[in-house]
């Protein structure tokens, strides 16, 4: 009979240690494999903001294009106590960041009762920094923000009654100053539409054609107003014959057959321009429907109407510096003085604008 050697306590401890190390290595390897798969190793992006936004869609605004992302969501389906309650009408909020810094914050809320392209009177200052998305949507960018309305069906999905639902992106990446201004606008539009599209799909209220079908407009660019064909419209003139046009600037941005803005302004004492008058056109069906239902009576300095060209309808607008003078601050009162001195009367401005824009829209008369 062969002798069996008994293992001492030291050998037992070594064996146990070896097993423990093997288990740790196995866990680490499994975690690494899962991490690679979750970060796109299988072609899939991790979803952020309650599953609405893929990491890859955030890359245009990222601090580190190869870095990881984290998000904090509050609203239906997640977050503290079911949703944010710090602002009336707010439906959800999601902040996104990377180890290197903040990226952006998204908010979903009942649409503002004012703003570009709406039927409610606003001063032309609302249009000075606005650039429309185009692609048939009611979306626009400003310096560090982007806004868009969700499809009409989303009002019921988000329990917003008949009112539209608005999604906002606020850029938090401080390195955006390294990008060209127009490029920043296009990046914000691209990321916001990815988020809005994800929301609509998740809530079952997406619509055909909702999304960016072409590159969004860049930032407005101001230059001296021409003597003729102002706002790029043949035969249109907004300025008085005796006006000093060397002081007046003009910006046009967008496509008249989609969404378009023209602003006449003067430079101010700071970076804030004196907005004298703004003209706008949109084919967005929600805005046109909203205008039909609106009971707001246009003041003399703010005009909005529906123009029909063939089978297509457009909402056309003019906002003059005299709009709602009760709410004017000193800057806007100064803009009104400049507008009165340099521009035609609101009646002549609006008539000339509508006559000038119709050929650009394809109207026969």
Protein backbone atom coordinates (compact mmCIF):
# COMPACT_ATOMS: atom_id res chain seq x y z
CA UNK A 1 0.00 0.00 0.00
CA UNK A 2 1.35 3.34 -1.11
CA UNK A 3 1.81 6.00 1.57
CA UNK A 4 -0.36 9.11 1.21
CA UNK A 5 1.41 12.30 2.12
CA UNK A 6 -0.71 14.73 4.00
CA UNK A 7 -0.62 18.37 2.89
CA UNK A 8 0.38 20.84 5.50
CA UNK A 9 -1.56 23.99 6.39
CA UNK A 10 0.76 26.11 4.20
CA UNK A 11 -0.06 24.14 1.08
CA UNK A 12 -3.79 24.48 1.80
CA UNK A 13 -3.46 28.25 2.10
CA UNK A 14 -1.57 28.44 -1.21
CA UNK A 15 -4.27 26.42 -2.94
CA UNK A 16 -7.03 28.62 -1.56
CA UNK A 17 -5.13 31.78 -2.57
CA UNK A 18 -4.65 30.40 -6.08
CA UNK A 19 -8.38 29.72 -6.42
CA UNK A 20 -9.24 33.21 -5.13
CA UNK A 21 -6.84 34.85 -7.60
CA UNK A 22 -8.30 32.78 -10.42
CA UNK A 23 -11.81 33.94 -9.54
CA UNK A 24 -10.71 37.59 -9.40
CA UNK A 25 -9.03 37.31 -12.80
CA UNK A 26 -12.15 35.65 -14.21
CA UNK A 27 -14.36 38.50 -12.92
CA UNK A 28 -12.00 41.13 -14.32
CA UNK A 29 -11.86 39.48 -17.71
CA UNK A 30 -15.62 39.11 -17.81
CA UNK A 31 -16.01 42.77 -16.86
CA UNK A 32 -13.59 43.83 -19.55
CA UNK A 33 -15.43 41.81 -22.16
CA UNK A 34 -18.76 43.28 -21.05
CA UNK A 35 -17.27 46.78 -21.05
CA UNK A 36 -16.02 46.39 -24.60
CA UNK A 37 -19.38 45.06 -25.75
CA UNK A 38 -21.32 47.80 -23.94
CA UNK A 39 -19.11 50.56 -25.32
CA UNK A 40 -19.61 49.54 -28.91
CA UNK A 41 -17.47 46.47 -29.32
CA UNK A 42 -20.40 44.79 -31.05
CA UNK A 43 -21.40 47.93 -32.96
CA UNK A 44 -23.86 49.00 -30.23
CA UNK A 45 -23.75 52.30 -28.32
CA UNK A 46 -24.79 52.59 -24.72
CA UNK A 47 -28.05 54.52 -24.37
CA UNK A 48 -28.18 57.57 -22.11
CA UNK A 49 -30.99 59.72 -20.71
CA UNK A 50 -33.40 56.91 -19.87
CA UNK A 51 -32.48 55.05 -23.06
CA UNK A 52 -33.35 57.90 -25.44
CA UNK A 53 -29.91 58.93 -26.74
CA UNK A 54 -27.07 56.78 -28.04
CA UNK A 55 -23.55 57.77 -27.05
CA UNK A 56 -22.46 57.92 -30.67
CA UNK A 57 -25.06 60.63 -31.38
CA UNK A 58 -23.36 62.88 -28.80
CA UNK A 59 -19.94 62.82 -30.45
CA UNK A 60 -20.41 66.17 -32.29
CA UNK A 61 -20.59 67.93 -28.91
CA UNK A 62 -18.20 65.74 -26.93
CA UNK A 63 -15.32 67.02 -24.83
CA UNK A 64 -13.36 63.85 -25.61
CA UNK A 65 -14.56 62.04 -28.77
CA UNK A 66 -13.08 58.77 -27.49
CA UNK A 67 -14.19 59.19 -23.90
CA UNK A 68 -17.06 57.71 -21.92
CA UNK A 69 -20.30 59.45 -21.00
CA UNK A 70 -22.53 59.61 -17.96
CA UNK A 71 -26.00 61.06 -17.62
CA UNK A 72 -28.47 62.09 -14.95
CA UNK A 73 -32.14 61.86 -15.92
CA UNK A 74 -35.26 63.04 -14.09
CA UNK A 75 -38.73 62.66 -15.50
CA UNK A 76 -41.27 59.99 -16.46
CA UNK A 77 -39.81 56.52 -16.15
CA UNK A 78 -36.88 57.48 -13.94
CA UNK A 79 -35.26 60.05 -11.71
CA UNK A 80 -36.12 61.25 -8.21
CA UNK A 81 -39.82 61.09 -7.29
CA UNK A 82 -40.83 60.44 -10.87
CA UNK A 83 -39.86 63.77 -12.41
CA UNK A 84 -38.63 67.33 -12.07
CA UNK A 85 -40.95 69.82 -10.43
CA UNK A 86 -38.83 72.95 -10.26
CA UNK A 87 -40.45 74.67 -13.23
CA UNK A 88 -44.02 74.75 -14.46
CA UNK A 89 -44.53 72.77 -17.65
CA UNK A 90 -41.22 70.92 -17.37
CA UNK A 91 -41.62 67.27 -18.38
CA UNK A 92 -38.07 65.90 -18.11
CA UNK A 93 -34.44 66.91 -17.86
CA UNK A 94 -31.22 65.06 -18.65
CA UNK A 95 -27.65 66.25 -18.10
CA UNK A 96 -24.76 64.56 -19.90
CA UNK A 97 -21.07 64.81 -19.03
CA UNK A 98 -17.71 63.13 -19.47
CA UNK A 99 -14.83 62.79 -16.99
CA UNK A 100 -13.22 65.72 -18.83
CA UNK A 101 -16.20 68.07 -18.42
CA UNK A 102 -19.90 68.80 -19.05
CA UNK A 103 -21.36 68.19 -22.51
CA UNK A 104 -25.01 69.31 -22.68
CA UNK A 105 -28.34 69.45 -20.90
CA UNK A 106 -31.66 68.47 -22.49
CA UNK A 107 -35.08 69.63 -21.31
CA UNK A 108 -38.56 68.68 -22.50
CA UNK A 109 -41.44 71.01 -21.66
CA UNK A 110 -44.73 72.52 -22.80
CA UNK A 111 -43.75 74.81 -25.68
CA UNK A 112 -43.19 78.48 -24.95
CA UNK A 113 -46.13 80.75 -25.67
CA UNK A 114 -43.81 83.04 -27.64
CA UNK A 115 -40.72 82.82 -29.80
CA UNK A 116 -39.62 82.77 -33.45
CA UNK A 117 -42.24 81.85 -36.07
CA UNK A 118 -45.17 81.88 -33.62
CA UNK A 119 -48.33 83.94 -34.13
CA UNK A 120 -47.97 85.70 -30.78
CA UNK A 121 -46.26 89.12 -31.08
CA UNK A 122 -42.57 89.24 -30.23
CA UNK A 123 -40.00 91.95 -30.83
CA UNK A 124 -37.51 91.53 -33.74
CA UNK A 125 -34.79 90.97 -31.16
CA UNK A 126 -36.02 87.36 -30.96
CA UNK A 127 -34.75 86.81 -34.48
CA UNK A 128 -31.32 88.48 -34.28
CA UNK A 129 -29.40 85.33 -33.30
CA UNK A 130 -31.88 82.68 -34.49
CA UNK A 131 -31.05 80.24 -37.31
CA UNK A 132 -33.78 77.82 -38.49
CA UNK A 133 -33.11 74.07 -38.73
CA UNK A 134 -34.99 73.61 -41.96
CA UNK A 135 -35.98 70.03 -42.85
CA UNK A 136 -39.64 70.99 -42.44
CA UNK A 137 -39.39 71.28 -38.66
CA UNK A 138 -40.01 74.10 -36.21
CA UNK A 139 -36.48 74.16 -34.88
CA UNK A 140 -33.86 76.84 -34.49
CA UNK A 141 -30.46 77.48 -32.90
CA UNK A 142 -29.14 80.42 -30.93
CA UNK A 143 -25.65 81.05 -29.57
CA UNK A 144 -25.51 78.15 -27.11
CA UNK A 145 -29.01 76.72 -27.37
CA UNK A 146 -31.11 74.74 -29.80
CA UNK A 147 -34.90 74.31 -29.75
CA UNK A 148 -37.33 72.07 -31.64
CA UNK A 149 -40.98 71.04 -31.42
CA UNK A 150 -41.87 67.36 -31.34
CA UNK A 151 -44.50 66.05 -33.79
CA UNK A 152 -48.08 67.02 -32.95
CA UNK A 153 -48.96 63.46 -31.85
CA UNK A 154 -46.51 63.86 -28.95
CA UNK A 155 -48.80 66.37 -27.23
CA UNK A 156 -51.12 63.52 -26.25
CA UNK A 157 -48.25 61.16 -25.46
CA UNK A 158 -46.75 63.69 -23.03
CA UNK A 159 -50.17 64.77 -21.74
CA UNK A 160 -49.62 68.34 -22.92
CA UNK A 161 -53.21 68.79 -24.09
CA UNK A 162 -53.34 70.26 -27.57
CA UNK A 163 -50.23 72.32 -27.02
CA UNK A 164 -46.91 71.47 -28.69
CA UNK A 165 -44.02 69.86 -26.82
CA UNK A 166 -40.65 71.59 -27.06
CA UNK A 167 -37.19 70.05 -26.61
CA UNK A 168 -34.22 72.21 -25.71
CA UNK A 169 -30.49 71.58 -25.80
CA UNK A 170 -28.19 73.83 -23.80
CA UNK A 171 -24.53 73.47 -24.73
CA UNK A 172 -22.32 73.00 -21.65
CA UNK A 173 -19.07 72.05 -23.40
CA UNK A 174 -16.81 75.04 -22.75
CA UNK A 175 -14.48 73.98 -25.56
CA UNK A 176 -17.08 74.95 -28.17
CA UNK A 177 -15.17 78.22 -28.68
CA UNK A 178 -12.60 76.18 -30.60
CA UNK A 179 -15.25 75.42 -33.24
CA UNK A 180 -16.43 77.81 -35.91
CA UNK A 181 -19.68 79.51 -34.89
CA UNK A 182 -21.66 78.09 -37.81
CA UNK A 183 -20.26 74.63 -37.10
CA UNK A 184 -21.39 74.87 -33.47
CA UNK A 185 -24.95 75.57 -34.63
CA UNK A 186 -24.96 72.56 -36.94
CA UNK A 187 -23.55 70.30 -34.21
CA UNK A 188 -26.24 71.38 -31.76
CA UNK A 189 -28.99 70.86 -34.33
CA UNK A 190 -27.72 67.38 -35.17
CA UNK A 191 -27.52 66.24 -31.54
CA UNK A 192 -30.83 67.82 -30.52
CA UNK A 193 -32.68 66.17 -33.41
CA UNK A 194 -31.18 62.80 -32.43
CA UNK A 195 -32.52 63.31 -28.91
CA UNK A 196 -35.93 64.54 -30.12
CA UNK A 197 -36.23 61.66 -32.58
CA UNK A 198 -35.39 59.17 -29.83
CA UNK A 199 -38.06 60.69 -27.56
CA UNK A 200 -40.70 60.54 -30.28
CA UNK A 201 -39.87 56.93 -31.10
CA UNK A 202 -39.88 55.93 -27.42
CA UNK A 203 -43.30 57.53 -26.88
CA UNK A 204 -44.78 56.15 -30.11
CA UNK A 205 -45.43 59.61 -31.55
CA UNK A 206 -42.79 59.83 -34.28
CA UNK A 207 -43.85 61.20 -37.66
CA UNK A 208 -42.72 60.61 -41.22
CA UNK A 209 -39.98 63.03 -42.16
CA UNK A 210 -39.30 64.18 -38.59
CA UNK A 211 -35.54 64.66 -38.36
CA UNK A 212 -32.75 66.46 -40.17
CA UNK A 213 -32.94 65.65 -43.86
CA UNK A 214 -30.26 68.19 -44.71
CA UNK A 215 -27.58 70.17 -42.89
CA UNK A 216 -28.95 72.86 -40.59
CA UNK A 217 -28.24 76.53 -41.20
CA UNK A 218 -25.17 78.11 -39.66
CA UNK A 219 -25.00 81.31 -37.63
CA UNK A 220 -26.47 84.57 -38.99
CA UNK A 221 -23.91 86.78 -40.73
CA UNK A 222 -24.50 90.55 -40.79
CA UNK A 223 -23.30 92.86 -43.56
CA UNK A 224 -24.25 96.31 -44.84
CA UNK A 225 -27.74 96.38 -46.32
CA UNK A 226 -27.77 96.78 -50.13
CA UNK A 227 -29.50 99.74 -51.78
CA UNK A 228 -31.87 97.42 -53.68
CA UNK A 229 -33.12 93.86 -53.35
CA UNK A 230 -32.96 93.95 -49.57
CA UNK A 231 -33.34 90.63 -47.74
CA UNK A 232 -32.35 89.03 -51.04
CA UNK A 233 -35.81 89.75 -52.47
CA UNK A 234 -35.97 91.28 -55.93
CA UNK A 235 -37.57 94.73 -55.92
CA UNK A 236 -37.90 94.85 -52.12
CA UNK A 237 -36.73 97.86 -50.16
CA UNK A 238 -37.32 98.37 -46.45
CA UNK A 239 -35.36 101.59 -45.97
CA UNK A 240 -36.45 105.16 -46.62
CA UNK A 241 -34.81 106.94 -49.56
CA UNK A 242 -33.10 109.44 -47.28
CA UNK A 243 -31.90 106.83 -44.75
CA UNK A 244 -28.18 106.43 -44.07
CA UNK A 245 -27.80 102.81 -45.15
CA UNK A 246 -24.16 102.66 -44.06
CA UNK A 247 -25.44 102.27 -40.48
CA UNK A 248 -27.91 99.48 -41.28
CA UNK A 249 -26.95 95.78 -41.32
CA UNK A 250 -28.78 92.84 -42.86
CA UNK A 251 -28.74 89.10 -42.24
CA UNK A 252 -30.61 86.37 -44.11
CA UNK A 253 -30.46 82.73 -43.07
CA UNK A 254 -32.36 79.61 -44.15
CA UNK A 255 -34.44 78.72 -47.20
CA UNK A 256 -37.69 80.62 -47.96
CA UNK A 257 -39.34 77.39 -49.13
CA UNK A 258 -38.66 75.81 -45.74
CA UNK A 259 -37.81 78.18 -42.87
CA UNK A 260 -36.15 81.55 -43.42
CA UNK A 261 -35.31 84.71 -41.47
CA UNK A 262 -34.17 88.19 -42.53
CA UNK A 263 -33.23 90.84 -39.95
CA UNK A 264 -32.32 94.51 -40.43
CA UNK A 265 -30.36 95.88 -37.49
CA UNK A 266 -27.79 98.39 -36.28
CA UNK A 267 -24.72 97.74 -34.18
CA UNK A 268 -25.17 98.65 -30.53
CA UNK A 269 -22.79 99.90 -27.87
CA UNK A 270 -22.13 96.30 -26.89
CA UNK A 271 -22.44 92.99 -28.74
CA UNK A 272 -26.24 93.35 -28.59
CA UNK A 273 -27.62 94.67 -31.87
CA UNK A 274 -30.51 97.09 -32.28
CA UNK A 275 -33.08 95.00 -34.16
CA UNK A 276 -35.16 97.26 -36.41
CA UNK A 277 -37.34 94.72 -38.22
CA UNK A 278 -37.44 90.98 -38.81
CA UNK A 279 -39.16 88.97 -41.54
CA UNK A 280 -39.75 85.22 -41.35
CA UNK A 281 -41.25 82.37 -43.36
CA UNK A 282 -41.96 78.76 -42.38
CA UNK A 283 -43.82 75.82 -43.89
CA UNK A 284 -44.11 73.98 -40.57
CA UNK A 285 -47.62 72.50 -40.41
CA UNK A 286 -47.88 72.76 -36.62
CA UNK A 287 -47.21 76.49 -36.72
CA UNK A 288 -49.68 77.00 -39.55
CA UNK A 289 -52.34 75.04 -37.65
CA UNK A 290 -51.54 76.99 -34.49
CA UNK A 291 -51.96 80.26 -36.39
CA UNK A 292 -55.41 79.20 -37.63
CA UNK A 293 -56.49 78.45 -34.06
CA UNK A 294 -54.90 81.56 -32.58
CA UNK A 295 -57.19 84.29 -31.31
CA UNK A 296 -54.40 86.85 -31.02
CA UNK A 297 -55.05 90.10 -32.89
CA UNK A 298 -52.00 91.43 -34.71
CA UNK A 299 -50.82 94.87 -33.59
CA UNK A 300 -49.73 97.30 -36.31
CA UNK A 301 -46.05 96.46 -35.89
CA UNK A 302 -46.46 92.67 -35.91
CA UNK A 303 -48.07 90.93 -38.88
CA UNK A 304 -48.52 87.27 -39.65
CA UNK A 305 -50.55 85.51 -42.32
CA UNK A 306 -50.81 82.36 -44.42
CA UNK A 307 -49.69 82.55 -48.04
CA UNK A 308 -50.75 79.74 -50.39
CA UNK A 309 -48.64 78.86 -53.42
CA UNK A 310 -50.06 75.95 -55.41
CA UNK A 311 -50.64 73.12 -52.93
CA UNK A 312 -48.18 74.49 -50.35
CA UNK A 313 -48.96 76.85 -47.45
CA UNK A 314 -46.47 79.15 -45.75
CA UNK A 315 -46.71 81.26 -42.62
CA UNK A 316 -45.16 84.69 -43.26
CA UNK A 317 -44.35 87.20 -40.52
CA UNK A 318 -43.03 90.66 -39.87
CA UNK A 319 -41.92 91.95 -36.47
CA UNK A 320 -41.17 95.68 -36.25
CA UNK A 321 -39.26 97.34 -33.42
CA UNK A 322 -42.47 98.98 -32.21
CA UNK A 323 -44.08 95.65 -31.28
CA UNK A 324 -45.66 95.84 -27.79
CA UNK A 325 -43.93 99.06 -26.62
CA UNK A 326 -45.20 98.51 -23.05
CA UNK A 327 -42.57 95.82 -22.56
CA UNK A 328 -39.67 97.67 -24.16
CA UNK A 329 -36.46 98.25 -22.27
CA UNK A 330 -34.17 101.18 -23.05
CA UNK A 331 -32.34 99.20 -25.74
CA UNK A 332 -35.58 98.34 -27.56
CA UNK A 333 -36.85 101.91 -27.32
CA UNK A 334 -33.65 103.04 -29.02
CA UNK A 335 -34.17 100.40 -31.72
CA UNK A 336 -37.68 101.78 -32.29
CA UNK A 337 -36.27 105.29 -32.77
CA UNK A 338 -33.80 104.00 -35.36
CA UNK A 339 -36.55 102.03 -37.13
CA UNK A 340 -38.84 105.06 -37.34
CA UNK A 341 -36.02 107.19 -38.75
CA UNK A 342 -34.65 104.65 -41.26
CA UNK A 343 -37.47 102.30 -42.34
CA UNK A 344 -40.74 102.59 -44.19
CA UNK A 345 -44.00 102.43 -42.21
CA UNK A 346 -45.07 98.97 -40.96
CA UNK A 347 -47.91 98.87 -43.52
CA UNK A 348 -45.56 99.51 -46.46
CA UNK A 349 -42.92 97.15 -45.05
CA UNK A 350 -45.32 94.24 -44.74
CA UNK A 351 -46.91 94.75 -48.14
CA UNK A 352 -43.50 95.06 -49.82
CA UNK A 353 -42.23 91.96 -48.03
CA UNK A 354 -45.20 89.77 -49.00
CA UNK A 355 -44.98 90.96 -52.61
CA UNK A 356 -41.24 90.26 -52.61
CA UNK A 357 -41.36 86.82 -50.98
CA UNK A 358 -44.13 85.34 -53.13
CA UNK A 359 -41.93 84.78 -56.22
CA UNK A 360 -39.33 83.07 -54.02
CA UNK A 361 -42.06 80.72 -52.79
CA UNK A 362 -43.10 79.86 -56.33
CA UNK A 363 -46.33 81.86 -56.30
CA UNK A 364 -47.56 82.90 -59.73
CA UNK A 365 -48.84 86.20 -58.39
